[in-house]
C-alpha atoms as a PDB file:
ATOM      1  CA  UNK A   1     -56.101 -39.287  -1.462  1.00  0.00           C
ATOM      2  CA  UNK A   2     -52.511 -38.686   0.008  1.00  0.00           C
ATOM      3  CA  UNK A   3     -51.937 -38.328   3.552  1.00  0.00           C
ATOM      4  CA  UNK A   4     -48.381 -36.926   4.970  1.00  0.00           C
ATOM      5  CA  UNK A   5     -48.104 -37.989   8.478  1.00  0.00           C
ATOM      6  CA  UNK A   6     -46.416 -35.807  10.911  1.00  0.00           C
ATOM      7  CA  UNK A   7     -42.820 -35.721  11.137  1.00  0.00           C
ATOM      8  CA  UNK A   8     -42.642 -38.041   8.086  1.00  0.00           C
ATOM      9  CA  UNK A   9     -41.248 -37.666   4.734  1.00  0.00           C
ATOM     10  CA  UNK A  10     -43.098 -40.346   2.945  1.00  0.00           C
ATOM     11  CA  UNK A  11     -46.650 -39.587   2.023  1.00  0.00           C
ATOM     12  CA  UNK A  12     -49.155 -42.444   2.157  1.00  0.00           C
ATOM     13  CA  UNK A  13     -51.419 -43.001  -0.713  1.00  0.00           C
ATOM     14  CA  UNK A  14     -55.076 -43.867   0.262  1.00  0.00           C
ATOM     15  CA  UNK A  15     -57.344 -45.632  -2.452  1.00  0.00           C
ATOM     16  CA  UNK A  16     -60.616 -47.207  -2.773  1.00  0.00           C
ATOM     17  CA  UNK A  17     -61.499 -48.790   0.784  1.00  0.00           C
ATOM     18  CA  UNK A  18     -58.413 -47.013   2.450  1.00  0.00           C
ATOM     19  CA  UNK A  19     -59.588 -43.663   1.547  1.00  0.00           C
ATOM     20  CA  UNK A  20     -63.159 -44.609   2.804  1.00  0.00           C
ATOM     21  CA  UNK A  21     -61.730 -45.575   5.940  1.00  0.00           C
ATOM     22  CA  UNK A  22     -59.820 -42.487   6.345  1.00  0.00           C
ATOM     23  CA  UNK A  23     -63.072 -40.696   5.759  1.00  0.00           C
ATOM     24  CA  UNK A  24     -64.509 -42.485   8.310  1.00  0.00           C
ATOM     25  CA  UNK A  25     -62.024 -41.637  10.648  1.00  0.00           C
ATOM     26  CA  UNK A  26     -62.229 -37.991  10.101  1.00  0.00           C
ATOM     27  CA  UNK A  27     -64.974 -38.479  13.390  1.00  0.00           C
ATOM     28  CA  UNK A  28     -63.934 -40.212  16.457  1.00  0.00           C
ATOM     29  CA  UNK A  29     -65.218 -43.931  16.190  1.00  0.00           C
ATOM     30  CA  UNK A  30     -65.020 -47.204  18.028  1.00  0.00           C
ATOM     31  CA  UNK A  31     -63.258 -50.108  16.039  1.00  0.00           C
ATOM     32  CA  UNK A  32     -66.116 -52.025  16.541  1.00  0.00           C
ATOM     33  CA  UNK A  33     -68.502 -49.549  14.823  1.00  0.00           C
ATOM     34  CA  UNK A  34     -66.048 -49.051  11.785  1.00  0.00           C
ATOM     35  CA  UNK A  35     -65.793 -52.810  11.446  1.00  0.00           C
ATOM     36  CA  UNK A  36     -69.353 -53.179  11.381  1.00  0.00           C
ATOM     37  CA  UNK A  37     -70.182 -50.083   9.144  1.00  0.00           C
ATOM     38  CA  UNK A  38     -67.808 -51.589   6.770  1.00  0.00           C
ATOM     39  CA  UNK A  39     -69.095 -55.173   6.772  1.00  0.00           C
ATOM     40  CA  UNK A  40     -72.636 -53.678   5.866  1.00  0.00           C
ATOM     41  CA  UNK A  41     -71.342 -51.618   3.291  1.00  0.00           C
ATOM     42  CA  UNK A  42     -69.676 -54.185   1.649  1.00  0.00           C
ATOM     43  CA  UNK A  43     -71.932 -57.515   2.899  1.00  0.00           C
ATOM     44  CA  UNK A  44     -69.018 -59.150   4.381  1.00  0.00           C
ATOM     45  CA  UNK A  45     -68.664 -60.259   8.265  1.00  0.00           C
ATOM     46  CA  UNK A  46     -67.168 -57.852  10.667  1.00  0.00           C
ATOM     47  CA  UNK A  47     -64.826 -60.688  11.613  1.00  0.00           C
ATOM     48  CA  UNK A  48     -63.298 -60.479   7.772  1.00  0.00           C
ATOM     49  CA  UNK A  49     -63.254 -56.859   8.009  1.00  0.00           C
ATOM     50  CA  UNK A  50     -61.597 -56.918  11.186  1.00  0.00           C
ATOM     51  CA  UNK A  51     -58.845 -59.248  10.150  1.00  0.00           C
ATOM     52  CA  UNK A  52     -57.861 -57.063   6.865  1.00  0.00           C
ATOM     53  CA  UNK A  53     -58.255 -53.693   8.763  1.00  0.00           C
ATOM     54  CA  UNK A  54     -56.305 -54.105  11.755  1.00  0.00           C
ATOM     55  CA  UNK A  55     -53.024 -54.222   9.716  1.00  0.00           C
ATOM     56  CA  UNK A  56     -53.852 -51.192   7.760  1.00  0.00           C
ATOM     57  CA  UNK A  57     -54.941 -48.931  11.277  1.00  0.00           C
ATOM     58  CA  UNK A  58     -51.482 -50.290  12.534  1.00  0.00           C
ATOM     59  CA  UNK A  59     -49.802 -48.909   9.805  1.00  0.00           C
ATOM     60  CA  UNK A  60     -51.803 -45.580  10.346  1.00  0.00           C
ATOM     61  CA  UNK A  61     -51.262 -45.456  13.769  1.00  0.00           C
ATOM     62  CA  UNK A  62     -47.511 -46.783  13.453  1.00  0.00           C
ATOM     63  CA  UNK A  63     -46.195 -43.468  11.276  1.00  0.00           C
ATOM     64  CA  UNK A  64     -48.286 -41.141  13.289  1.00  0.00           C
ATOM     65  CA  UNK A  65     -51.446 -40.585  10.724  1.00  0.00           C
ATOM     66  CA  UNK A  66     -53.707 -41.806  13.082  1.00  0.00           C
ATOM     67  CA  UNK A  67     -54.102 -41.957  16.973  1.00  0.00           C
ATOM     68  CA  UNK A  68     -56.382 -43.985  19.544  1.00  0.00           C
ATOM     69  CA  UNK A  69     -58.477 -41.807  21.796  1.00  0.00           C
END
């Protein structure tokens, strides 16, 4: 999946879990619900998902590809 953040020249390539997360973010969702859904889907702890996902979410926010509500 390719994402072109607003006012950016670089395209983000999202594959695998990154693409899945992007799809889950299509509708407003609380971070805790996102972490819980992914933890259940991949049979890992919410803490592990959170630790792995926070840098990815920060990158999306930082380049303007996502926003907090």
